[in-house]
């Protein structure tokens, strides 16, 4: 889990709580709704998680 977190945080900087929440949901096999303004990295977060 730490290796995945470190890898994702290389792409998503300054939002460790969002990365942690996404990892918890991924490990729990749940669903995550990411709501935020455009241009803050929601798509990059999902792509980084998928590639990691």
Protein backbone atom coordinates (compact mmCIF):
# COMPACT_ATOMS: atom_id res chain seq x y z
CA UNK A 1 0.00 0.00 0.00
CA UNK A 2 2.85 2.39 0.78
CA UNK A 3 4.43 1.78 -2.62
CA UNK A 4 1.17 2.56 -4.39
CA UNK A 5 0.63 5.68 -2.23
CA UNK A 6 4.14 6.92 -2.96
CA UNK A 7 3.70 6.32 -6.67
CA UNK A 8 0.34 8.13 -6.81
CA UNK A 9 1.64 11.04 -4.72
CA UNK A 10 4.31 11.65 -7.36
CA UNK A 11 1.47 12.69 -9.68
CA UNK A 12 -1.02 14.14 -7.21
CA UNK A 13 0.84 16.65 -5.06
CA UNK A 14 -0.60 18.37 -2.00
CA UNK A 15 -3.63 16.12 -1.48
CA UNK A 16 -2.52 13.22 0.73
CA UNK A 17 -5.97 12.81 2.30
CA UNK A 18 -7.58 12.33 -1.12
CA UNK A 19 -4.98 9.74 -2.08
CA UNK A 20 -5.48 7.90 1.22
CA UNK A 21 -9.26 7.90 0.80
CA UNK A 22 -8.97 6.57 -2.73
CA UNK A 23 -6.67 3.76 -1.58
CA UNK A 24 -9.00 2.78 1.26
CA UNK A 25 -11.95 2.61 -1.14
CA UNK A 26 -9.88 0.60 -3.62
CA UNK A 27 -8.82 -1.94 -0.99
CA UNK A 28 -12.39 -2.19 0.36
CA UNK A 29 -13.66 -2.78 -3.19
CA UNK A 30 -16.07 0.11 -2.83
CA UNK A 31 -17.07 3.13 -4.88
CA UNK A 32 -15.64 6.64 -4.73
CA UNK A 33 -17.30 9.81 -5.95
CA UNK A 34 -14.78 12.59 -6.47
CA UNK A 35 -16.38 16.03 -6.61
CA UNK A 36 -14.24 19.12 -7.09
CA UNK A 37 -13.79 22.05 -9.43
CA UNK A 38 -12.37 21.41 -12.91
CA UNK A 39 -8.63 21.16 -13.27
CA UNK A 40 -7.60 19.79 -9.87
CA UNK A 41 -6.52 16.31 -10.98
CA UNK A 42 -9.48 13.99 -10.56
CA UNK A 43 -8.74 12.18 -13.81
CA UNK A 44 -5.02 12.08 -13.06
CA UNK A 45 -5.77 10.52 -9.68
CA UNK A 46 -7.84 7.74 -11.22
CA UNK A 47 -5.25 7.10 -13.94
CA UNK A 48 -2.39 7.04 -11.45
CA UNK A 49 -4.27 4.55 -9.27
CA UNK A 50 -5.05 2.35 -12.26
CA UNK A 51 -1.44 2.34 -13.45
CA UNK A 52 -0.05 1.74 -9.99
